[in-house]
Amino acid sequence: MKKIITTTKAPAPIGPYNQAVLNGNTLYTSGQIAFNPETNKLVLDDIKTETKQVMENLKAVLEAAEMTFENVIKTSIFISDMNNFSLINEVYGSYFNEDTAPARETVEVANLPKFVNVEISMIASK
């Protein structure tokens, strides 16, 4: 059974999609960018701060589904410049236990929504 997951602690969708969908025990999050839901502004000070906001948005969505980063089994990271990979990875990695970190792919893309530098989506399971 498909259940829509929403929270005011993460950015509201800006199109015909939801923050996440829970199907059975599996959660599929939409990609998150560095939009701060409290200020309604993008956080683009530097790539580490931007990545932290993305991860905090994902954390809020996971919590709305009664999950944590320990439940994440797969992530997809989209970045506009592969030269930022190590800084993004440093922040991203701080949210996971290295021994139980999820599977992942990282892809450089030409553009992202709102011309941000990083977007991350996740699949998690209870």
C-alpha atoms as a PDB file:
ATOM      1  CA  MET A   1       0.000   0.000   0.000  1.00  0.00           C
ATOM      2  CA  LYS A   2       1.383   3.378  -1.047  1.00  0.00           C
ATOM      3  CA  LYS A   3       1.548   6.051   1.686  1.00  0.00           C
ATOM      4  CA  ILE A   4       2.585   9.652   1.029  1.00  0.00           C
ATOM      5  CA  ILE A   5       5.127  11.020   3.524  1.00  0.00           C
ATOM      6  CA  THR A   6       5.225  14.767   4.174  1.00  0.00           C
ATOM      7  CA  THR A   7       6.811  17.061   6.731  1.00  0.00           C
ATOM      8  CA  THR A   8       7.050  20.802   7.194  1.00  0.00           C
ATOM      9  CA  LYS A   9      10.658  20.281   8.324  1.00  0.00           C
ATOM     10  CA  ALA A  10      11.743  19.749   4.695  1.00  0.00           C
ATOM     11  CA  PRO A  11      10.996  21.816   1.596  1.00  0.00           C
ATOM     12  CA  ALA A  12       7.512  21.463   0.158  1.00  0.00           C
ATOM     13  CA  PRO A  13       7.357  20.034  -3.372  1.00  0.00           C
ATOM     14  CA  ILE A  14       7.422  22.583  -6.190  1.00  0.00           C
ATOM     15  CA  GLY A  15       5.733  20.322  -8.714  1.00  0.00           C
ATOM     16  CA  PRO A  16       3.607  17.209  -9.121  1.00  0.00           C
ATOM     17  CA  TYR A  17       5.541  15.002  -6.687  1.00  0.00           C
ATOM     18  CA  ASN A  18       5.771  14.287  -2.949  1.00  0.00           C
ATOM     19  CA  GLN A  19       8.652  14.462  -0.486  1.00  0.00           C
ATOM     20  CA  ALA A  20       8.572  10.678  -0.164  1.00  0.00           C
ATOM     21  CA  VAL A  21       6.448   7.612  -0.789  1.00  0.00           C
ATOM     22  CA  LEU A  22       6.354   4.622   1.541  1.00  0.00           C
ATOM     23  CA  ASN A  23       5.459   1.414  -0.263  1.00  0.00           C
ATOM     24  CA  GLY A  24       5.243  -1.453   2.205  1.00  0.00           C
ATOM     25  CA  ASN A  25       8.429  -1.142   4.253  1.00  0.00           C
ATOM     26  CA  THR A  26      10.375   0.720   1.561  1.00  0.00           C
ATOM     27  CA  LEU A  27      10.689   4.503   1.465  1.00  0.00           C
ATOM     28  CA  TYR A  28      11.541   6.364  -1.730  1.00  0.00           C
ATOM     29  CA  THR A  29      12.525   9.998  -1.188  1.00  0.00           C
ATOM     30  CA  SER A  30      12.394  12.672  -3.819  1.00  0.00           C
ATOM     31  CA  GLY A  31      15.657  14.446  -4.473  1.00  0.00           C
ATOM     32  CA  GLN A  32      16.432  17.133  -1.945  1.00  0.00           C
ATOM     33  CA  ILE A  33      18.297  20.344  -2.618  1.00  0.00           C
ATOM     34  CA  ALA A  34      19.635  22.909  -0.140  1.00  0.00           C
ATOM     35  CA  PHE A  35      16.381  24.759   0.408  1.00  0.00           C
ATOM     36  CA  ASN A  36      15.907  25.762   4.043  1.00  0.00           C
ATOM     37  CA  PRO A  37      12.217  25.281   4.917  1.00  0.00           C
ATOM     38  CA  GLU A  38      12.466  27.708   7.869  1.00  0.00           C
ATOM     39  CA  THR A  39      13.783  30.660   5.854  1.00  0.00           C
ATOM     40  CA  ASN A  40      12.359  29.663   2.445  1.00  0.00           C
ATOM     41  CA  LYS A  41      15.773  30.355   0.925  1.00  0.00           C
ATOM     42  CA  LEU A  42      18.480  28.319  -0.743  1.00  0.00           C
ATOM     43  CA  VAL A  43      21.610  27.707   1.330  1.00  0.00           C
ATOM     44  CA  LEU A  44      24.445  28.164  -1.147  1.00  0.00           C
ATOM     45  CA  ASP A  45      27.182  29.712   1.033  1.00  0.00           C
ATOM     46  CA  ASP A  46      29.674  26.948   0.160  1.00  0.00           C
ATOM     47  CA  ILE A  47      29.431  23.327  -0.972  1.00  0.00           C
ATOM     48  CA  LYS A  48      29.785  21.854   2.545  1.00  0.00           C
ATOM     49  CA  THR A  49      27.034  24.067   3.975  1.00  0.00           C
ATOM     50  CA  GLU A  50      24.868  23.309   0.954  1.00  0.00           C
ATOM     51  CA  THR A  51      25.372  19.558   1.355  1.00  0.00           C
ATOM     52  CA  LYS A  52      24.598  19.767   5.095  1.00  0.00           C
ATOM     53  CA  GLN A  53      21.245  21.434   4.325  1.00  0.00           C
ATOM     54  CA  VAL A  54      20.453  18.687   1.789  1.00  0.00           C
ATOM     55  CA  MET A  55      21.228  16.002   4.369  1.00  0.00           C
ATOM     56  CA  GLU A  56      19.181  17.774   7.055  1.00  0.00           C
ATOM     57  CA  ASN A  57      16.225  17.897   4.651  1.00  0.00           C
ATOM     58  CA  LEU A  58      16.601  14.177   4.014  1.00  0.00           C
ATOM     59  CA  LYS A  59      16.880  13.544   7.751  1.00  0.00           C
ATOM     60  CA  ALA A  60      13.553  15.333   8.274  1.00  0.00           C
ATOM     61  CA  VAL A  61      11.868  13.226   5.584  1.00  0.00           C
ATOM     62  CA  LEU A  62      13.294  10.021   7.073  1.00  0.00           C
ATOM     63  CA  GLU A  63      12.066  11.033  10.529  1.00  0.00           C
ATOM     64  CA  ALA A  64       8.581  11.723   9.138  1.00  0.00           C
ATOM     65  CA  ALA A  65       8.581   8.093   7.998  1.00  0.00           C
ATOM     66  CA  GLU A  66       9.887   6.968  11.419  1.00  0.00           C
ATOM     67  CA  MET A  67      13.300   6.071   9.987  1.00  0.00           C
ATOM     68  CA  THR A  68      16.914   7.198  10.345  1.00  0.00           C
ATOM     69  CA  PHE A  69      19.994   7.141   8.136  1.00  0.00           C
ATOM     70  CA  GLU A  70      20.568   3.592   9.424  1.00  0.00           C
ATOM     71  CA  ASN A  71      17.515   2.550   7.364  1.00  0.00           C
ATOM     72  CA  VAL A  72      18.953   3.931   4.109  1.00  0.00           C
ATOM     73  CA  ILE A  73      19.910   1.210   1.647  1.00  0.00           C
ATOM     74  CA  LYS A  74      20.660   3.265  -1.505  1.00  0.00           C
ATOM     75  CA  THR A  75      21.438   6.874  -2.346  1.00  0.00           C
ATOM     76  CA  SER A  76      21.763   8.783  -5.585  1.00  0.00           C
ATOM     77  CA  ILE A  77      23.904  11.905  -5.593  1.00  0.00           C
ATOM     78  CA  PHE A  78      23.768  14.375  -8.460  1.00  0.00           C
ATOM     79  CA  ILE A  79      26.421  17.092  -8.543  1.00  0.00           C
ATOM     80  CA  SER A  80      27.093  19.903 -10.976  1.00  0.00           C
ATOM     81  CA  ASP A  81      30.896  19.730 -10.615  1.00  0.00           C
ATOM     82  CA  MET A  82      32.816  16.535  -9.853  1.00  0.00           C
ATOM     83  CA  ASN A  83      35.577  18.720  -8.365  1.00  0.00           C
ATOM     84  CA  ASN A  84      33.249  19.162  -5.360  1.00  0.00           C
ATOM     85  CA  PHE A  85      32.996  15.398  -4.799  1.00  0.00           C
ATOM     86  CA  SER A  86      35.425  15.141  -1.865  1.00  0.00           C
ATOM     87  CA  LEU A  87      33.793  18.009   0.069  1.00  0.00           C
ATOM     88  CA  ILE A  88      30.286  16.643  -0.579  1.00  0.00           C
ATOM     89  CA  ASN A  89      31.455  13.168   0.408  1.00  0.00           C
ATOM     90  CA  GLU A  90      32.941  14.478   3.665  1.00  0.00           C
ATOM     91  CA  VAL A  91      29.609  15.956   4.787  1.00  0.00           C
ATOM     92  CA  TYR A  92      27.523  13.076   3.389  1.00  0.00           C
ATOM     93  CA  GLY A  93      29.737  10.510   5.124  1.00  0.00           C
ATOM     94  CA  SER A  94      29.269  12.163   8.522  1.00  0.00           C
ATOM     95  CA  TYR A  95      25.616  11.055   8.482  1.00  0.00           C
ATOM     96  CA  PHE A  96      26.414   7.351   8.085  1.00  0.00           C
ATOM     97  CA  ASN A  97      28.286   4.625   9.907  1.00  0.00           C
ATOM     98  CA  GLU A  98      30.968   3.621   7.401  1.00  0.00           C
ATOM     99  CA  ASP A  99      30.504  -0.092   8.208  1.00  0.00           C
ATOM    100  CA  THR A 100      26.773   0.002   7.358  1.00  0.00           C
ATOM    101  CA  ALA A 101      26.702   2.811   4.773  1.00  0.00           C
ATOM    102  CA  PRO A 102      24.245   2.359   1.888  1.00  0.00           C
ATOM    103  CA  ALA A 103      24.975   1.562  -1.722  1.00  0.00           C
ATOM    104  CA  ARG A 104      25.388   4.722  -3.801  1.00  0.00           C
ATOM    105  CA  GLU A 105      26.018   6.299  -7.145  1.00  0.00           C
ATOM    106  CA  THR A 106      27.344   9.791  -7.782  1.00  0.00           C
ATOM    107  CA  VAL A 107      26.750  11.423 -11.129  1.00  0.00           C
ATOM    108  CA  GLU A 108      27.894  14.753 -12.520  1.00  0.00           C
ATOM    109  CA  VAL A 109      25.086  16.532 -14.365  1.00  0.00           C
ATOM    110  CA  ALA A 110      24.867  19.679 -16.479  1.00  0.00           C
ATOM    111  CA  ASN A 111      22.260  21.416 -14.314  1.00  0.00           C
ATOM    112  CA  LEU A 112      20.090  20.831 -11.261  1.00  0.00           C
ATOM    113  CA  PRO A 113      16.845  22.469 -10.106  1.00  0.00           C
ATOM    114  CA  LYS A 114      17.334  26.134  -9.144  1.00  0.00           C
ATOM    115  CA  PHE A 115      20.917  25.696 -10.456  1.00  0.00           C
ATOM    116  CA  VAL A 116      22.094  24.261  -7.124  1.00  0.00           C
ATOM    117  CA  ASN A 117      25.317  22.256  -6.843  1.00  0.00           C
ATOM    118  CA  VAL A 118      24.039  19.030  -5.266  1.00  0.00           C
ATOM    119  CA  GLU A 119      20.833  16.982  -5.083  1.00  0.00           C
ATOM    120  CA  ILE A 120      20.470  13.700  -3.183  1.00  0.00           C
ATOM    121  CA  SER A 121      17.679  11.103  -3.089  1.00  0.00           C
ATOM    122  CA  MET A 122      17.430   7.956  -0.974  1.00  0.00           C
ATOM    123  CA  ILE A 123      15.764   4.592  -0.699  1.00  0.00           C
ATOM    124  CA  ALA A 124      15.292   3.298   2.844  1.00  0.00           C
ATOM    125  CA  SER A 125      13.729   0.194   4.338  1.00  0.00           C
ATOM    126  CA  LYS A 126      12.309  -0.674   7.768  1.00  0.00           C
END
